[in-house]
Amino acid sequence: MSEPQMLSPHFARSEMQCHCGCNKCIVCVDLLDALEDLRERVGWPLVVNSAYRCPEHNAAVGGKPKSKHLEGIAADVCCRNLSVDDLARAAETIPAFRRGGIGKYPKKGFVHVDVRRNGPARWVG
């Protein structure tokens, strides 16, 4: 088995690409940098549930038509050692996420983070 193609020290292309099987991968460097900062802040690995989504996959999973996932500037993440609230609080300490979007999804067990330029945006889903 070959080594995963890494986009940053802790995040592989396979984590960040669309999960529909199309293998498209559009990821903003600012998002990767902010995710690395968040991982360092919490001191534990982050699990990326979803990052880039192609338009077809975004529609199939019920994503919003203007989802930041379509632009490659968003990720849904969790950390096995932290609650959704604790992870969201940690995300608030990362400048790119503080300026961008942070959405808490406690019933689904993840935090949406994005590096939008027209933020900040906060919500609970």
C-alpha atoms as a PDB file:
ATOM      1  CA  MET A   1       0.000   0.000   0.000  1.00  0.00           C
ATOM      2  CA  SER A   2       1.387   3.404  -0.953  1.00  0.00           C
ATOM      3  CA  GLU A   3       1.852   6.320   1.397  1.00  0.00           C
ATOM      4  CA  PRO A   4      -0.958   8.904   1.362  1.00  0.00           C
ATOM      5  CA  GLN A   5      -0.359  12.104  -0.568  1.00  0.00           C
ATOM      6  CA  MET A   6      -0.078  14.768   2.110  1.00  0.00           C
ATOM      7  CA  LEU A   7      -1.341  18.301   1.492  1.00  0.00           C
ATOM      8  CA  SER A   8       0.043  19.514   4.823  1.00  0.00           C
ATOM      9  CA  PRO A   9       1.882  17.853   7.714  1.00  0.00           C
ATOM     10  CA  HIS A  10      -1.283  16.248   9.154  1.00  0.00           C
ATOM     11  CA  PHE A  11      -3.878  16.262   6.375  1.00  0.00           C
ATOM     12  CA  ALA A  12      -3.916  13.904   3.411  1.00  0.00           C
ATOM     13  CA  ARG A  13      -5.462  14.549   0.038  1.00  0.00           C
ATOM     14  CA  SER A  14      -7.822  11.620   0.634  1.00  0.00           C
ATOM     15  CA  GLU A  15      -9.292  13.424   3.666  1.00  0.00           C
ATOM     16  CA  MET A  16      -9.823  16.682   1.820  1.00  0.00           C
ATOM     17  CA  GLN A  17     -11.159  15.437  -1.540  1.00  0.00           C
ATOM     18  CA  CYS A  18     -14.802  14.901  -2.423  1.00  0.00           C
ATOM     19  CA  HIS A  19     -16.137  11.658  -0.946  1.00  0.00           C
ATOM     20  CA  CYS A  20     -18.469  10.800  -3.836  1.00  0.00           C
ATOM     21  CA  GLY A  21     -15.755   8.975  -5.736  1.00  0.00           C
ATOM     22  CA  CYS A  22     -15.027  11.711  -8.301  1.00  0.00           C
ATOM     23  CA  ASN A  23     -11.672  12.323  -6.524  1.00  0.00           C
ATOM     24  CA  LYS A  24     -11.845  16.075  -7.147  1.00  0.00           C
ATOM     25  CA  CYS A  25      -9.888  18.034  -4.603  1.00  0.00           C
ATOM     26  CA  ILE A  26      -9.949  21.802  -4.324  1.00  0.00           C
ATOM     27  CA  VAL A  27      -8.502  23.015  -1.044  1.00  0.00           C
ATOM     28  CA  CYS A  28      -7.474  26.517  -0.072  1.00  0.00           C
ATOM     29  CA  VAL A  29      -4.025  26.763   1.518  1.00  0.00           C
ATOM     30  CA  ASP A  30      -5.488  29.110   4.157  1.00  0.00           C
ATOM     31  CA  LEU A  31      -7.877  26.333   5.226  1.00  0.00           C
ATOM     32  CA  LEU A  32      -5.044  23.810   5.532  1.00  0.00           C
ATOM     33  CA  ASP A  33      -2.939  26.283   7.530  1.00  0.00           C
ATOM     34  CA  ALA A  34      -5.838  27.041   9.880  1.00  0.00           C
ATOM     35  CA  LEU A  35      -6.572  23.319  10.361  1.00  0.00           C
ATOM     36  CA  GLU A  36      -2.906  22.740  11.219  1.00  0.00           C
ATOM     37  CA  ASP A  37      -3.102  25.609  13.732  1.00  0.00           C
ATOM     38  CA  LEU A  38      -6.266  24.128  15.248  1.00  0.00           C
ATOM     39  CA  ARG A  39      -4.695  20.688  15.529  1.00  0.00           C
ATOM     40  CA  GLU A  40      -1.684  22.208  17.277  1.00  0.00           C
ATOM     41  CA  ARG A  41      -3.958  24.202  19.593  1.00  0.00           C
ATOM     42  CA  VAL A  42      -5.991  21.179  20.738  1.00  0.00           C
ATOM     43  CA  GLY A  43      -3.024  18.803  20.826  1.00  0.00           C
ATOM     44  CA  TRP A  44      -4.999  15.931  19.317  1.00  0.00           C
ATOM     45  CA  PRO A  45      -5.646  14.652  15.783  1.00  0.00           C
ATOM     46  CA  LEU A  46      -8.637  16.067  13.951  1.00  0.00           C
ATOM     47  CA  VAL A  47     -10.901  13.850  11.886  1.00  0.00           C
ATOM     48  CA  VAL A  48     -12.076  15.488   8.659  1.00  0.00           C
ATOM     49  CA  ASN A  49     -15.623  14.295   7.944  1.00  0.00           C
ATOM     50  CA  SER A  50     -16.017  16.454   4.849  1.00  0.00           C
ATOM     51  CA  ALA A  51     -13.971  19.114   3.074  1.00  0.00           C
ATOM     52  CA  TYR A  52     -14.256  19.780  -0.659  1.00  0.00           C
ATOM     53  CA  ARG A  53     -17.551  18.669  -2.230  1.00  0.00           C
ATOM     54  CA  CYS A  54     -18.321  18.643  -5.927  1.00  0.00           C
ATOM     55  CA  PRO A  55     -21.722  20.195  -6.772  1.00  0.00           C
ATOM     56  CA  GLU A  56     -23.356  16.787  -7.283  1.00  0.00           C
ATOM     57  CA  HIS A  57     -22.165  15.400  -3.948  1.00  0.00           C
ATOM     58  CA  ASN A  58     -23.037  18.625  -2.140  1.00  0.00           C
ATOM     59  CA  ALA A  59     -26.619  18.349  -3.424  1.00  0.00           C
ATOM     60  CA  ALA A  60     -26.771  14.643  -2.570  1.00  0.00           C
ATOM     61  CA  VAL A  61     -25.820  15.259   1.075  1.00  0.00           C
ATOM     62  CA  GLY A  62     -28.226  18.187   1.446  1.00  0.00           C
ATOM     63  CA  GLY A  63     -25.560  20.891   1.390  1.00  0.00           C
ATOM     64  CA  LYS A  64     -26.552  24.486   0.812  1.00  0.00           C
ATOM     65  CA  PRO A  65     -26.329  25.698  -2.812  1.00  0.00           C
ATOM     66  CA  LYS A  66     -23.656  28.253  -1.838  1.00  0.00           C
ATOM     67  CA  SER A  67     -21.817  25.955   0.588  1.00  0.00           C
ATOM     68  CA  LYS A  68     -18.244  26.937   1.354  1.00  0.00           C
ATOM     69  CA  HIS A  69     -17.359  23.258   0.787  1.00  0.00           C
ATOM     70  CA  LEU A  70     -17.910  23.892  -2.950  1.00  0.00           C
ATOM     71  CA  GLU A  71     -15.135  26.501  -2.859  1.00  0.00           C
ATOM     72  CA  GLY A  72     -12.646  24.328  -0.985  1.00  0.00           C
ATOM     73  CA  ILE A  73     -12.570  26.707   1.965  1.00  0.00           C
ATOM     74  CA  ALA A  74     -14.509  24.623   4.522  1.00  0.00           C
ATOM     75  CA  ALA A  75     -14.163  21.440   6.519  1.00  0.00           C
ATOM     76  CA  ASP A  76     -16.360  19.549   8.961  1.00  0.00           C
ATOM     77  CA  VAL A  77     -14.124  18.215  11.715  1.00  0.00           C
ATOM     78  CA  CYS A  78     -14.271  16.434  15.019  1.00  0.00           C
ATOM     79  CA  CYS A  79     -11.783  15.421  17.667  1.00  0.00           C
ATOM     80  CA  ARG A  80     -12.305  12.211  19.585  1.00  0.00           C
ATOM     81  CA  ASN A  81     -10.995  13.833  22.773  1.00  0.00           C
ATOM     82  CA  LEU A  82     -13.089  17.025  22.678  1.00  0.00           C
ATOM     83  CA  SER A  83     -16.740  17.913  22.723  1.00  0.00           C
ATOM     84  CA  VAL A  84     -18.233  19.940  19.893  1.00  0.00           C
ATOM     85  CA  ASP A  85     -18.376  22.979  22.200  1.00  0.00           C
ATOM     86  CA  ASP A  86     -14.727  22.613  23.232  1.00  0.00           C
ATOM     87  CA  LEU A  87     -13.571  22.196  19.629  1.00  0.00           C
ATOM     88  CA  ALA A  88     -15.605  25.241  18.544  1.00  0.00           C
ATOM     89  CA  ARG A  89     -14.064  27.288  21.370  1.00  0.00           C
ATOM     90  CA  ALA A  90     -10.607  26.221  20.216  1.00  0.00           C
ATOM     91  CA  ALA A  91     -11.505  27.182  16.628  1.00  0.00           C
ATOM     92  CA  GLU A  92     -12.385  30.678  17.882  1.00  0.00           C
ATOM     93  CA  THR A  93      -8.713  31.112  18.873  1.00  0.00           C
ATOM     94  CA  ILE A  94      -7.527  30.540  15.285  1.00  0.00           C
ATOM     95  CA  PRO A  95      -7.565  33.912  13.466  1.00  0.00           C
ATOM     96  CA  ALA A  96      -8.686  32.555  10.066  1.00  0.00           C
ATOM     97  CA  PHE A  97     -11.643  30.745  11.649  1.00  0.00           C
ATOM     98  CA  ARG A  98     -12.451  33.651  13.993  1.00  0.00           C
ATOM     99  CA  ARG A  99     -12.758  35.859  10.873  1.00  0.00           C
ATOM    100  CA  GLY A 100     -14.558  33.086   8.962  1.00  0.00           C
ATOM    101  CA  GLY A 101     -17.291  30.621   9.791  1.00  0.00           C
ATOM    102  CA  ILE A 102     -17.761  28.280  12.737  1.00  0.00           C
ATOM    103  CA  GLY A 103     -20.861  26.135  12.948  1.00  0.00           C
ATOM    104  CA  LYS A 104     -21.579  23.692  15.757  1.00  0.00           C
ATOM    105  CA  TYR A 105     -23.445  20.459  15.025  1.00  0.00           C
ATOM    106  CA  PRO A 106     -23.737  18.794  18.441  1.00  0.00           C
ATOM    107  CA  LYS A 107     -26.241  16.119  17.373  1.00  0.00           C
ATOM    108  CA  LYS A 108     -23.996  15.086  14.478  1.00  0.00           C
ATOM    109  CA  GLY A 109     -20.803  15.450  16.534  1.00  0.00           C
ATOM    110  CA  PHE A 110     -18.774  17.852  14.392  1.00  0.00           C
ATOM    111  CA  VAL A 111     -17.765  21.477  13.929  1.00  0.00           C
ATOM    112  CA  HIS A 112     -17.862  23.208  10.544  1.00  0.00           C
ATOM    113  CA  VAL A 113     -14.952  25.619  10.073  1.00  0.00           C
ATOM    114  CA  ASP A 114     -14.282  27.819   7.077  1.00  0.00           C
ATOM    115  CA  VAL A 115     -12.034  30.640   5.982  1.00  0.00           C
ATOM    116  CA  ARG A 116     -14.645  32.808   4.257  1.00  0.00           C
ATOM    117  CA  ARG A 117     -13.677  36.398   3.677  1.00  0.00           C
ATOM    118  CA  ASN A 118     -17.131  37.867   4.377  1.00  0.00           C
ATOM    119  CA  GLY A 119     -17.430  36.614   7.971  1.00  0.00           C
ATOM    120  CA  PRO A 120     -17.605  36.164  10.763  1.00  0.00           C
ATOM    121  CA  ALA A 121     -20.532  33.733  10.683  1.00  0.00           C
ATOM    122  CA  ARG A 122     -21.678  31.581  13.614  1.00  0.00           C
ATOM    123  CA  TRP A 123     -24.528  29.075  13.868  1.00  0.00           C
ATOM    124  CA  VAL A 124     -25.731  25.882  15.512  1.00  0.00           C
ATOM    125  CA  GLY A 125     -27.141  23.200  13.230  1.00  0.00           C
END
